[in-house]
Amino acid sequence: MKRVLFITAHRLGDAVIAMGALAGMMERYPQARFTIACGPAVQDLFRYMPRCERIIVVEKKSHNRHWLALWREVVRYRWEAVIDLRSSPLAYGVWSRFRYVVRGGRQAGLKLEQQARSLGFQQSYRPYVWLGKDEQEEAARLLPVQGRWVALAPTAGTETKIWPAEAFAVFADRLKTDGLRPVLFYGPGEREDRLAAPARAAMPDALDMGGRYSLAQVAALLARCCLFVGSDSGLMHLSAALDVPTLGLFGPSHATQYAPSGRWAEVLEAPGSPGAGDMTLLGAEDVHRAAMALYERSRER
């Protein structure tokens, strides 16, 4: 049996982007079984992946000892291919017929395209996320009317990327006049809860789905939404990969590298120079106009 080792990211956004590279490798090795090495926060992305033989959760340790721990887990096997998106030395320390090590650093084009070039693909593959039956059934119970929910993501990895809660509230009021219902999504943990608090306070009528669901459940909930609006974040990339019409709001980050990838994915950049926009200058009316135009285009097709 052919085996492929795929070493991917710890953070959600990077891991979702890497799902494009994974899709390409699944096509390149159609008979292989895959072992996924990833961070604990993103392991749910691969729970329902076809041909996934094993998920190895890589817990970060001091002095890079997590790579030694991973090496001990995989050195006993003969691999058809090792794909390392983390640029670690591990790929050279195991027996493998083919090795693909993707280097980091700023390069031209989307990260998705950079990875595709490094792996020898003629074109990039869109990320894809598999959903579980139980999670989909639970999502249908929690969000029973599919097609009327709009996912709003009021947090981000860097606080300067966050669109102000007051602007989100104006936008949410406009959504309600359009017959759409806002739903808040954000990650688990004290930091995410703190960052989401102003949005919760500004939008008390929005359905709060943040902080208490697994990543597999969040993916199924997002898939029930007809639109996503949020800052450059992991949830933005996850939504786009689920083919939810996704409007990413970009300020002090580079849309040319980190724009979401999906059938219905667009960006709106805040005023300012590319990669240094001021999110406080991004108006609710501009966001509403762009979001509803995207929504209508997705419905027409």
C-alpha atoms as a PDB file:
ATOM      1  CA  MET A   1       0.000   0.000   0.000  1.00  0.00           C
ATOM      2  CA  LYS A   2       1.277   3.441  -0.928  1.00  0.00           C
ATOM      3  CA  ARG A   3       1.442   5.977   1.878  1.00  0.00           C
ATOM      4  CA  VAL A   4       1.756   9.777   1.695  1.00  0.00           C
ATOM      5  CA  LEU A   5       2.745  11.982   4.639  1.00  0.00           C
ATOM      6  CA  PHE A   6       1.268  15.498   4.491  1.00  0.00           C
ATOM      7  CA  ILE A   7       2.668  17.975   7.049  1.00  0.00           C
ATOM      8  CA  THR A   8       0.521  21.074   7.314  1.00  0.00           C
ATOM      9  CA  ALA A   9      -0.087  24.173   9.407  1.00  0.00           C
ATOM     10  CA  HIS A  10      -1.096  24.797  13.009  1.00  0.00           C
ATOM     11  CA  ARG A  11      -3.288  27.852  12.368  1.00  0.00           C
ATOM     12  CA  LEU A  12      -6.718  27.612  10.786  1.00  0.00           C
ATOM     13  CA  GLY A  13      -6.246  30.044   7.909  1.00  0.00           C
ATOM     14  CA  ASP A  14      -2.950  28.513   6.809  1.00  0.00           C
ATOM     15  CA  ALA A  15      -4.338  24.997   7.152  1.00  0.00           C
ATOM     16  CA  VAL A  16      -7.377  25.797   4.994  1.00  0.00           C
ATOM     17  CA  ILE A  17      -5.181  27.369   2.309  1.00  0.00           C
ATOM     18  CA  ALA A  18      -3.079  24.184   2.358  1.00  0.00           C
ATOM     19  CA  MET A  19      -6.190  22.129   1.603  1.00  0.00           C
ATOM     20  CA  GLY A  20      -5.642  23.204  -2.012  1.00  0.00           C
ATOM     21  CA  ALA A  21      -2.222  21.546  -2.028  1.00  0.00           C
ATOM     22  CA  LEU A  22      -3.766  18.490  -0.374  1.00  0.00           C
ATOM     23  CA  ALA A  23      -6.433  18.269  -3.096  1.00  0.00           C
ATOM     24  CA  GLY A  24      -3.697  18.309  -5.732  1.00  0.00           C
ATOM     25  CA  MET A  25      -1.729  15.592  -3.991  1.00  0.00           C
ATOM     26  CA  MET A  26      -4.815  13.405  -3.622  1.00  0.00           C
ATOM     27  CA  GLU A  27      -5.218  13.641  -7.391  1.00  0.00           C
ATOM     28  CA  ARG A  28      -1.509  12.979  -8.017  1.00  0.00           C
ATOM     29  CA  TYR A  29      -1.574   9.871  -5.779  1.00  0.00           C
ATOM     30  CA  PRO A  30      -5.078   8.453  -6.318  1.00  0.00           C
ATOM     31  CA  GLN A  31      -4.325   5.051  -4.743  1.00  0.00           C
ATOM     32  CA  ALA A  32      -2.415   6.286  -1.705  1.00  0.00           C
ATOM     33  CA  ARG A  33      -3.475   6.451   1.906  1.00  0.00           C
ATOM     34  CA  PHE A  34      -2.650   9.747   3.616  1.00  0.00           C
ATOM     35  CA  THR A  35      -1.249  10.529   7.044  1.00  0.00           C
ATOM     36  CA  ILE A  36      -1.868  14.126   8.106  1.00  0.00           C
ATOM     37  CA  ALA A  37       0.427  15.850  10.607  1.00  0.00           C
ATOM     38  CA  CYS A  38      -1.145  19.063  11.893  1.00  0.00           C
ATOM     39  CA  GLY A  39      -1.700  21.258  14.937  1.00  0.00           C
ATOM     40  CA  PRO A  40      -4.409  20.414  17.474  1.00  0.00           C
ATOM     41  CA  ALA A  41      -6.618  23.374  16.514  1.00  0.00           C
ATOM     42  CA  VAL A  42      -7.099  22.171  12.928  1.00  0.00           C
ATOM     43  CA  GLN A  43      -7.325  18.378  13.212  1.00  0.00           C
ATOM     44  CA  ASP A  44     -11.099  18.491  12.598  1.00  0.00           C
ATOM     45  CA  LEU A  45     -10.465  19.644   9.034  1.00  0.00           C
ATOM     46  CA  PHE A  46      -9.330  16.106   8.211  1.00  0.00           C
ATOM     47  CA  ARG A  47     -11.783  14.076  10.294  1.00  0.00           C
ATOM     48  CA  TYR A  48     -13.912  13.140   7.280  1.00  0.00           C
ATOM     49  CA  MET A  49     -11.212  13.210   4.620  1.00  0.00           C
ATOM     50  CA  PRO A  50     -11.354  10.252   2.203  1.00  0.00           C
ATOM     51  CA  ARG A  51      -8.287   7.983   2.234  1.00  0.00           C
ATOM     52  CA  CYS A  52      -7.037   9.495   5.479  1.00  0.00           C
ATOM     53  CA  GLU A  53      -5.315   6.657   7.297  1.00  0.00           C
ATOM     54  CA  ARG A  54      -4.178   8.627  10.326  1.00  0.00           C
ATOM     55  CA  ILE A  55      -4.091  12.120  11.839  1.00  0.00           C
ATOM     56  CA  ILE A  56      -1.024  12.902  13.947  1.00  0.00           C
ATOM     57  CA  VAL A  57      -1.528  15.921  16.192  1.00  0.00           C
ATOM     58  CA  VAL A  58       1.717  17.862  16.532  1.00  0.00           C
ATOM     59  CA  GLU A  59       1.878  19.716  19.842  1.00  0.00           C
ATOM     60  CA  LYS A  60       4.478  22.490  19.789  1.00  0.00           C
ATOM     61  CA  LYS A  61       7.393  21.937  22.181  1.00  0.00           C
ATOM     62  CA  SER A  62      10.395  24.022  23.162  1.00  0.00           C
ATOM     63  CA  HIS A  63      13.584  23.783  21.114  1.00  0.00           C
ATOM     64  CA  ASN A  64      11.597  22.301  18.191  1.00  0.00           C
ATOM     65  CA  ARG A  65      11.290  18.978  20.002  1.00  0.00           C
ATOM     66  CA  HIS A  66       7.878  18.454  18.359  1.00  0.00           C
ATOM     67  CA  TRP A  67       9.695  17.578  15.117  1.00  0.00           C
ATOM     68  CA  LEU A  68      11.629  14.844  16.893  1.00  0.00           C
ATOM     69  CA  ALA A  69       8.378  13.491  18.338  1.00  0.00           C
ATOM     70  CA  LEU A  70       6.799  13.463  14.869  1.00  0.00           C
ATOM     71  CA  TRP A  71       9.884  11.805  13.351  1.00  0.00           C
ATOM     72  CA  ARG A  72       9.569   8.961  15.869  1.00  0.00           C
ATOM     73  CA  GLU A  73       5.967   8.452  14.750  1.00  0.00           C
ATOM     74  CA  VAL A  74       6.713   8.268  11.021  1.00  0.00           C
ATOM     75  CA  VAL A  75      10.295   6.972  10.619  1.00  0.00           C
ATOM     76  CA  ARG A  76       9.194   3.307  10.649  1.00  0.00           C
ATOM     77  CA  TYR A  77       7.291   3.621   7.358  1.00  0.00           C
ATOM     78  CA  ARG A  78       8.387   3.702   3.725  1.00  0.00           C
ATOM     79  CA  TRP A  79       6.578   6.666   2.195  1.00  0.00           C
ATOM     80  CA  GLU A  80       5.627   7.129  -1.410  1.00  0.00           C
ATOM     81  CA  ALA A  81       5.825  10.874  -0.842  1.00  0.00           C
ATOM     82  CA  VAL A  82       6.372  13.365   1.964  1.00  0.00           C
ATOM     83  CA  ILE A  83       4.850  16.820   1.533  1.00  0.00           C
ATOM     84  CA  ASP A  84       6.112  19.315   4.081  1.00  0.00           C
ATOM     85  CA  LEU A  85       4.466  22.743   4.091  1.00  0.00           C
ATOM     86  CA  ARG A  86       6.328  23.700   7.280  1.00  0.00           C
ATOM     87  CA  SER A  87       9.865  23.664   5.810  1.00  0.00           C
ATOM     88  CA  SER A  88      11.083  21.354   8.556  1.00  0.00           C
ATOM     89  CA  PRO A  89      14.085  18.988   8.302  1.00  0.00           C
ATOM     90  CA  LEU A  90      11.841  15.976   8.877  1.00  0.00           C
ATOM     91  CA  ALA A  91      11.269  15.212   5.181  1.00  0.00           C
ATOM     92  CA  TYR A  92      14.963  14.416   4.810  1.00  0.00           C
ATOM     93  CA  GLY A  93      15.046  12.142   7.843  1.00  0.00           C
ATOM     94  CA  VAL A  94      12.607   9.453   6.653  1.00  0.00           C
ATOM     95  CA  TRP A  95      12.615   7.019   3.735  1.00  0.00           C
ATOM     96  CA  SER A  96      10.524   8.476   0.904  1.00  0.00           C
ATOM     97  CA  ARG A  97      10.401   8.015  -2.840  1.00  0.00           C
ATOM     98  CA  PHE A  98       9.475  11.676  -3.400  1.00  0.00           C
ATOM     99  CA  ARG A  99       9.950  14.749  -1.216  1.00  0.00           C
ATOM    100  CA  TYR A 100       8.253  18.118  -1.550  1.00  0.00           C
ATOM    101  CA  VAL A 101       9.368  20.833   0.873  1.00  0.00           C
ATOM    102  CA  VAL A 102       7.595  24.184   0.472  1.00  0.00           C
ATOM    103  CA  ARG A 103       9.738  27.124   1.510  1.00  0.00           C
ATOM    104  CA  GLY A 104       8.290  30.112   3.348  1.00  0.00           C
ATOM    105  CA  GLY A 105       8.893  33.804   2.835  1.00  0.00           C
ATOM    106  CA  ARG A 106       7.051  36.490   0.904  1.00  0.00           C
ATOM    107  CA  GLN A 107       6.573  35.698  -2.772  1.00  0.00           C
ATOM    108  CA  ALA A 108       4.375  36.989  -5.573  1.00  0.00           C
ATOM    109  CA  GLY A 109       0.796  35.748  -5.772  1.00  0.00           C
ATOM    110  CA  LEU A 110      -1.593  33.991  -3.451  1.00  0.00           C
ATOM    111  CA  LYS A 111      -0.179  31.514  -0.933  1.00  0.00           C
ATOM    112  CA  LEU A 112      -2.372  28.939  -2.647  1.00  0.00           C
ATOM    113  CA  GLU A 113      -0.590  29.583  -5.949  1.00  0.00           C
ATOM    114  CA  GLN A 114       2.859  29.681  -4.330  1.00  0.00           C
ATOM    115  CA  GLN A 115       2.323  26.231  -2.845  1.00  0.00           C
ATOM    116  CA  ALA A 116       1.023  24.868  -6.151  1.00  0.00           C
ATOM    117  CA  ARG A 117       4.159  26.069  -7.954  1.00  0.00           C
ATOM    118  CA  SER A 118       6.435  24.557  -5.300  1.00  0.00           C
ATOM    119  CA  LEU A 119       4.667  21.208  -5.668  1.00  0.00           C
ATOM    120  CA  GLY A 120       4.972  21.214  -9.455  1.00  0.00           C
ATOM    121  CA  PHE A 121       1.322  21.782 -10.345  1.00  0.00           C
ATOM    122  CA  GLN A 122       0.447  23.651 -13.521  1.00  0.00           C
ATOM    123  CA  GLN A 123      -2.502  25.256 -11.774  1.00  0.00           C
ATOM    124  CA  SER A 124      -3.661  25.718  -8.199  1.00  0.00           C
ATOM    125  CA  TYR A 125      -6.423  23.667  -6.616  1.00  0.00           C
ATOM    126  CA  ARG A 126      -9.191  25.219  -4.567  1.00  0.00           C
ATOM    127  CA  PRO A 127      -9.349  24.209  -0.889  1.00  0.00           C
ATOM    128  CA  TYR A 128     -12.063  21.743   0.021  1.00  0.00           C
ATOM    129  CA  VAL A 129     -13.443  20.836   3.439  1.00  0.00           C
ATOM    130  CA  TRP A 130     -15.346  17.610   4.138  1.00  0.00           C
ATOM    131  CA  LEU A 131     -18.377  17.660   6.446  1.00  0.00           C
ATOM    132  CA  GLY A 132     -19.693  14.952   8.749  1.00  0.00           C
ATOM    133  CA  LYS A 133     -23.274  13.696   8.749  1.00  0.00           C
ATOM    134  CA  ASP A 134     -23.788  14.187  12.489  1.00  0.00           C
ATOM    135  CA  GLU A 135     -22.458  17.759  12.376  1.00  0.00           C
ATOM    136  CA  GLN A 136     -24.676  18.607   9.419  1.00  0.00           C
ATOM    137  CA  GLU A 137     -27.752  17.277  11.193  1.00  0.00           C
ATOM    138  CA  GLU A 138     -26.914  19.293  14.309  1.00  0.00           C
ATOM    139  CA  ALA A 139     -26.300  22.411  12.198  1.00  0.00           C
ATOM    140  CA  ALA A 140     -29.712  21.982  10.561  1.00  0.00           C
ATOM    141  CA  ARG A 141     -31.258  21.925  14.030  1.00  0.00           C
ATOM    142  CA  LEU A 142     -29.401  25.032  15.196  1.00  0.00           C
ATOM    143  CA  LEU A 143     -29.885  26.990  11.942  1.00  0.00           C
ATOM    144  CA  PRO A 144     -33.139  25.499  10.640  1.00  0.00           C
ATOM    145  CA  VAL A 145     -33.897  27.899   7.787  1.00  0.00           C
ATOM    146  CA  GLN A 146     -31.094  27.434   5.265  1.00  0.00           C
ATOM    147  CA  GLY A 147     -30.385  30.401   3.006  1.00  0.00           C
ATOM    148  CA  ARG A 148     -31.345  33.239   5.379  1.00  0.00           C
ATOM    149  CA  TRP A 149     -28.374  33.281   7.764  1.00  0.00           C
ATOM    150  CA  VAL A 150     -25.397  35.618   7.311  1.00  0.00           C
ATOM    151  CA  ALA A 151     -22.194  34.688   9.132  1.00  0.00           C
ATOM    152  CA  LEU A 152     -20.388  37.645  10.702  1.00  0.00           C
ATOM    153  CA  ALA A 153     -16.834  37.122  12.005  1.00  0.00           C
ATOM    154  CA  PRO A 154     -15.873  40.025  14.293  1.00  0.00           C
ATOM    155  CA  THR A 155     -12.420  38.793  15.381  1.00  0.00           C
ATOM    156  CA  ALA A 156      -9.024  38.230  13.759  1.00  0.00           C
ATOM    157  CA  GLY A 157      -5.541  37.043  14.636  1.00  0.00           C
ATOM    158  CA  THR A 158      -4.290  40.644  14.753  1.00  0.00           C
ATOM    159  CA  GLU A 159      -6.501  43.242  16.412  1.00  0.00           C
ATOM    160  CA  THR A 160      -5.810  45.923  13.790  1.00  0.00           C
ATOM    161  CA  LYS A 161      -7.471  43.639  11.220  1.00  0.00           C
ATOM    162  CA  ILE A 162     -10.805  43.831  13.051  1.00  0.00           C
ATOM    163  CA  TRP A 163     -13.648  45.897  11.616  1.00  0.00           C
ATOM    164  CA  PRO A 164     -15.152  48.079  14.392  1.00  0.00           C
ATOM    165  CA  ALA A 165     -18.157  46.627  16.200  1.00  0.00           C
ATOM    166  CA  GLU A 166     -20.201  49.800  15.615  1.00  0.00           C
ATOM    167  CA  ALA A 167     -19.807  49.419  11.852  1.00  0.00           C
ATOM    168  CA  PHE A 168     -20.725  45.745  12.082  1.00  0.00           C
ATOM    169  CA  ALA A 169     -23.885  46.725  13.969  1.00  0.00           C
ATOM    170  CA  VAL A 170     -24.966  49.175  11.252  1.00  0.00           C
ATOM    171  CA  PHE A 171     -24.311  46.504   8.647  1.00  0.00           C
ATOM    172  CA  ALA A 172     -26.299  43.924  10.641  1.00  0.00           C
ATOM    173  CA  ASP A 173     -29.282  46.298  10.829  1.00  0.00           C
ATOM    174  CA  ARG A 174     -29.205  46.644   7.055  1.00  0.00           C
ATOM    175  CA  LEU A 175     -29.157  42.861   6.707  1.00  0.00           C
ATOM    176  CA  LYS A 176     -32.325  42.596   8.783  1.00  0.00           C
ATOM    177  CA  THR A 177     -34.120  45.009   6.467  1.00  0.00           C
ATOM    178  CA  ASP A 178     -33.068  42.695   3.612  1.00  0.00           C
ATOM    179  CA  GLY A 179     -34.737  39.773   5.366  1.00  0.00           C
ATOM    180  CA  LEU A 180     -31.437  38.161   6.398  1.00  0.00           C
ATOM    181  CA  ARG A 181     -30.448  37.094   9.906  1.00  0.00           C
ATOM    182  CA  PRO A 182     -26.930  37.773  11.295  1.00  0.00           C
ATOM    183  CA  VAL A 183     -25.013  35.047  13.129  1.00  0.00           C
ATOM    184  CA  LEU A 184     -21.805  35.709  15.063  1.00  0.00           C
ATOM    185  CA  PHE A 185     -18.893  33.294  14.666  1.00  0.00           C
ATOM    186  CA  TYR A 186     -15.584  33.424  16.542  1.00  0.00           C
ATOM    187  CA  GLY A 187     -13.111  30.965  17.954  1.00  0.00           C
ATOM    188  CA  PRO A 188     -12.723  29.372  21.398  1.00  0.00           C
ATOM    189  CA  GLY A 189     -10.687  30.751  24.256  1.00  0.00           C
ATOM    190  CA  GLU A 190     -10.452  33.849  26.436  1.00  0.00           C
ATOM    191  CA  ARG A 191      -8.827  36.043  23.793  1.00  0.00           C
ATOM    192  CA  GLU A 192     -11.476  35.355  21.144  1.00  0.00           C
ATOM    193  CA  ASP A 193     -14.230  35.898  23.709  1.00  0.00           C
ATOM    194  CA  ARG A 194     -12.719  39.265  24.666  1.00  0.00           C
ATOM    195  CA  LEU A 195     -12.337  40.390  21.061  1.00  0.00           C
ATOM    196  CA  ALA A 196     -15.911  39.368  20.249  1.00  0.00           C
ATOM    197  CA  ALA A 197     -17.409  41.118  23.297  1.00  0.00           C
ATOM    198  CA  PRO A 198     -17.873  44.559  21.615  1.00  0.00           C
ATOM    199  CA  ALA A 199     -19.646  42.927  18.667  1.00  0.00           C
ATOM    200  CA  ARG A 200     -21.932  40.931  20.969  1.00  0.00           C
ATOM    201  CA  ALA A 201     -22.804  44.107  22.845  1.00  0.00           C
ATOM    202  CA  ALA A 202     -23.405  46.088  19.635  1.00  0.00           C
ATOM    203  CA  MET A 203     -25.530  43.331  18.052  1.00  0.00           C
ATOM    204  CA  PRO A 204     -27.614  41.839  20.878  1.00  0.00           C
ATOM    205  CA  ASP A 205     -30.172  40.428  18.427  1.00  0.00           C
ATOM    206  CA  ALA A 206     -27.590  38.483  16.419  1.00  0.00           C
ATOM    207  CA  LEU A 207     -27.503  34.741  17.006  1.00  0.00           C
ATOM    208  CA  ASP A 208     -24.283  33.939  18.867  1.00  0.00           C
ATOM    209  CA  MET A 209     -22.572  30.764  17.630  1.00  0.00           C
ATOM    210  CA  GLY A 210     -19.076  31.658  18.796  1.00  0.00           C
ATOM    211  CA  GLY A 211     -16.600  29.927  21.036  1.00  0.00           C
ATOM    212  CA  ARG A 212     -18.379  26.738  22.065  1.00  0.00           C
ATOM    213  CA  TYR A 213     -18.429  24.433  19.036  1.00  0.00           C
ATOM    214  CA  SER A 214     -15.804  22.142  17.560  1.00  0.00           C
ATOM    215  CA  LEU A 215     -14.232  23.081  14.245  1.00  0.00           C
ATOM    216  CA  ALA A 216     -16.190  20.309  12.513  1.00  0.00           C
ATOM    217  CA  GLN A 217     -19.424  21.754  13.936  1.00  0.00           C
ATOM    218  CA  VAL A 218     -18.451  25.306  12.956  1.00  0.00           C
ATOM    219  CA  ALA A 219     -17.810  24.172   9.385  1.00  0.00           C
ATOM    220  CA  ALA A 220     -21.254  22.565   9.193  1.00  0.00           C
ATOM    221  CA  LEU A 221     -22.866  25.697  10.646  1.00  0.00           C
ATOM    222  CA  LEU A 222     -21.060  27.974   8.190  1.00  0.00           C
ATOM    223  CA  ALA A 223     -22.210  25.765   5.323  1.00  0.00           C
ATOM    224  CA  ARG A 224     -25.832  26.613   6.250  1.00  0.00           C
ATOM    225  CA  CYS A 225     -25.203  30.335   5.727  1.00  0.00           C
ATOM    226  CA  CYS A 226     -25.934  32.211   2.510  1.00  0.00           C
ATOM    227  CA  LEU A 227     -23.204  34.820   3.060  1.00  0.00           C
ATOM    228  CA  PHE A 228     -20.090  35.444   5.148  1.00  0.00           C
ATOM    229  CA  VAL A 229     -18.613  38.832   6.010  1.00  0.00           C
ATOM    230  CA  GLY A 230     -15.538  39.166   8.181  1.00  0.00           C
ATOM    231  CA  SER A 231     -11.948  40.257   8.495  1.00  0.00           C
ATOM    232  CA  ASP A 232      -8.934  38.368   7.166  1.00  0.00           C
ATOM    233  CA  SER A 233      -9.064  35.313   9.431  1.00  0.00           C
ATOM    234  CA  GLY A 234      -9.186  31.541   9.513  1.00  0.00           C
ATOM    235  CA  LEU A 235     -12.982  31.591   9.527  1.00  0.00           C
ATOM    236  CA  MET A 236     -12.930  33.658   6.330  1.00  0.00           C
ATOM    237  CA  HIS A 237     -10.817  31.016   4.576  1.00  0.00           C
ATOM    238  CA  LEU A 238     -12.969  28.202   5.964  1.00  0.00           C
ATOM    239  CA  SER A 239     -16.153  29.857   4.706  1.00  0.00           C
ATOM    240  CA  ALA A 240     -14.737  30.330   1.203  1.00  0.00           C
ATOM    241  CA  ALA A 241     -13.571  26.706   1.083  1.00  0.00           C
ATOM    242  CA  LEU A 242     -17.152  25.653   1.909  1.00  0.00           C
ATOM    243  CA  ASP A 243     -18.379  27.630  -1.149  1.00  0.00           C
ATOM    244  CA  VAL A 244     -20.285  30.070   1.028  1.00  0.00           C
ATOM    245  CA  PRO A 245     -20.339  33.504  -0.694  1.00  0.00           C
ATOM    246  CA  THR A 246     -17.511  35.143   1.259  1.00  0.00           C
ATOM    247  CA  LEU A 247     -16.584  38.811   1.496  1.00  0.00           C
ATOM    248  CA  GLY A 248     -13.216  39.270   3.195  1.00  0.00           C
ATOM    249  CA  LEU A 249     -12.532  42.699   4.720  1.00  0.00           C
ATOM    250  CA  PHE A 250      -8.864  43.608   4.404  1.00  0.00           C
ATOM    251  CA  GLY A 251      -6.922  46.408   6.051  1.00  0.00           C
ATOM    252  CA  PRO A 252      -3.386  45.861   7.382  1.00  0.00           C
ATOM    253  CA  SER A 253      -2.894  42.555   5.547  1.00  0.00           C
ATOM    254  CA  HIS A 254      -2.133  41.700   1.943  1.00  0.00           C
ATOM    255  CA  ALA A 255      -5.135  40.547  -0.086  1.00  0.00           C
ATOM    256  CA  THR A 256      -2.749  39.733  -2.934  1.00  0.00           C
ATOM    257  CA  GLN A 257      -1.400  36.896  -0.776  1.00  0.00           C
ATOM    258  CA  TYR A 258      -4.207  36.014   1.605  1.00  0.00           C
ATOM    259  CA  ALA A 259      -7.464  36.614  -0.277  1.00  0.00           C
ATOM    260  CA  PRO A 260      -9.965  33.785   0.274  1.00  0.00           C
ATOM    261  CA  SER A 261     -10.229  31.136  -2.447  1.00  0.00           C
ATOM    262  CA  GLY A 262     -13.600  29.730  -3.447  1.00  0.00           C
ATOM    263  CA  ARG A 263     -16.289  29.879  -6.105  1.00  0.00           C
ATOM    264  CA  TRP A 264     -17.835  32.908  -4.396  1.00  0.00           C
ATOM    265  CA  ALA A 265     -14.968  34.700  -2.686  1.00  0.00           C
ATOM    266  CA  GLU A 266     -14.196  38.402  -2.940  1.00  0.00           C
ATOM    267  CA  VAL A 267     -12.342  41.038  -0.934  1.00  0.00           C
ATOM    268  CA  LEU A 268     -13.047  44.636   0.029  1.00  0.00           C
ATOM    269  CA  GLU A 269      -9.992  46.623   1.042  1.00  0.00           C
ATOM    270  CA  ALA A 270     -10.072  49.461   3.554  1.00  0.00           C
ATOM    271  CA  PRO A 271      -8.815  52.898   2.454  1.00  0.00           C
ATOM    272  CA  GLY A 272      -5.040  53.226   2.521  1.00  0.00           C
ATOM    273  CA  SER A 273      -2.069  51.749   0.737  1.00  0.00           C
ATOM    274  CA  PRO A 274      -2.224  48.019  -0.115  1.00  0.00           C
ATOM    275  CA  GLY A 275      -1.566  45.944   2.962  1.00  0.00           C
ATOM    276  CA  ALA A 276      -1.824  48.948   5.287  1.00  0.00           C
ATOM    277  CA  GLY A 277      -5.480  49.990   5.117  1.00  0.00           C
ATOM    278  CA  ASP A 278      -7.315  51.477   8.086  1.00  0.00           C
ATOM    279  CA  MET A 279     -10.291  49.309   9.070  1.00  0.00           C
ATOM    280  CA  THR A 280     -11.943  52.225  10.884  1.00  0.00           C
ATOM    281  CA  LEU A 281     -12.328  53.982   7.516  1.00  0.00           C
ATOM    282  CA  LEU A 282     -14.258  51.100   5.928  1.00  0.00           C
ATOM    283  CA  GLY A 283     -17.891  52.233   5.801  1.00  0.00           C
ATOM    284  CA  ALA A 284     -20.884  50.026   6.596  1.00  0.00           C
ATOM    285  CA  GLU A 285     -22.676  51.165   3.437  1.00  0.00           C
ATOM    286  CA  ASP A 286     -19.730  50.141   1.265  1.00  0.00           C
ATOM    287  CA  VAL A 287     -19.605  46.731   2.924  1.00  0.00           C
ATOM    288  CA  HIS A 288     -23.357  46.285   2.575  1.00  0.00           C
ATOM    289  CA  ARG A 289     -23.271  47.203  -1.100  1.00  0.00           C
ATOM    290  CA  ALA A 290     -20.426  44.772  -1.845  1.00  0.00           C
ATOM    291  CA  ALA A 291     -21.919  41.976   0.256  1.00  0.00           C
ATOM    292  CA  MET A 292     -25.379  42.160  -1.294  1.00  0.00           C
ATOM    293  CA  ALA A 293     -23.943  42.329  -4.815  1.00  0.00           C
ATOM    294  CA  LEU A 294     -21.980  39.138  -4.092  1.00  0.00           C
ATOM    295  CA  TYR A 295     -25.062  37.521  -2.580  1.00  0.00           C
ATOM    296  CA  GLU A 296     -27.206  38.320  -5.614  1.00  0.00           C
ATOM    297  CA  ARG A 297     -24.579  37.027  -8.034  1.00  0.00           C
ATOM    298  CA  SER A 298     -24.344  33.758  -6.152  1.00  0.00           C
ATOM    299  CA  ARG A 299     -28.135  33.344  -6.247  1.00  0.00           C
ATOM    300  CA  GLU A 300     -28.325  34.013  -9.988  1.00  0.00           C
ATOM    301  CA  ARG A 301     -25.989  31.107 -10.680  1.00  0.00           C
END
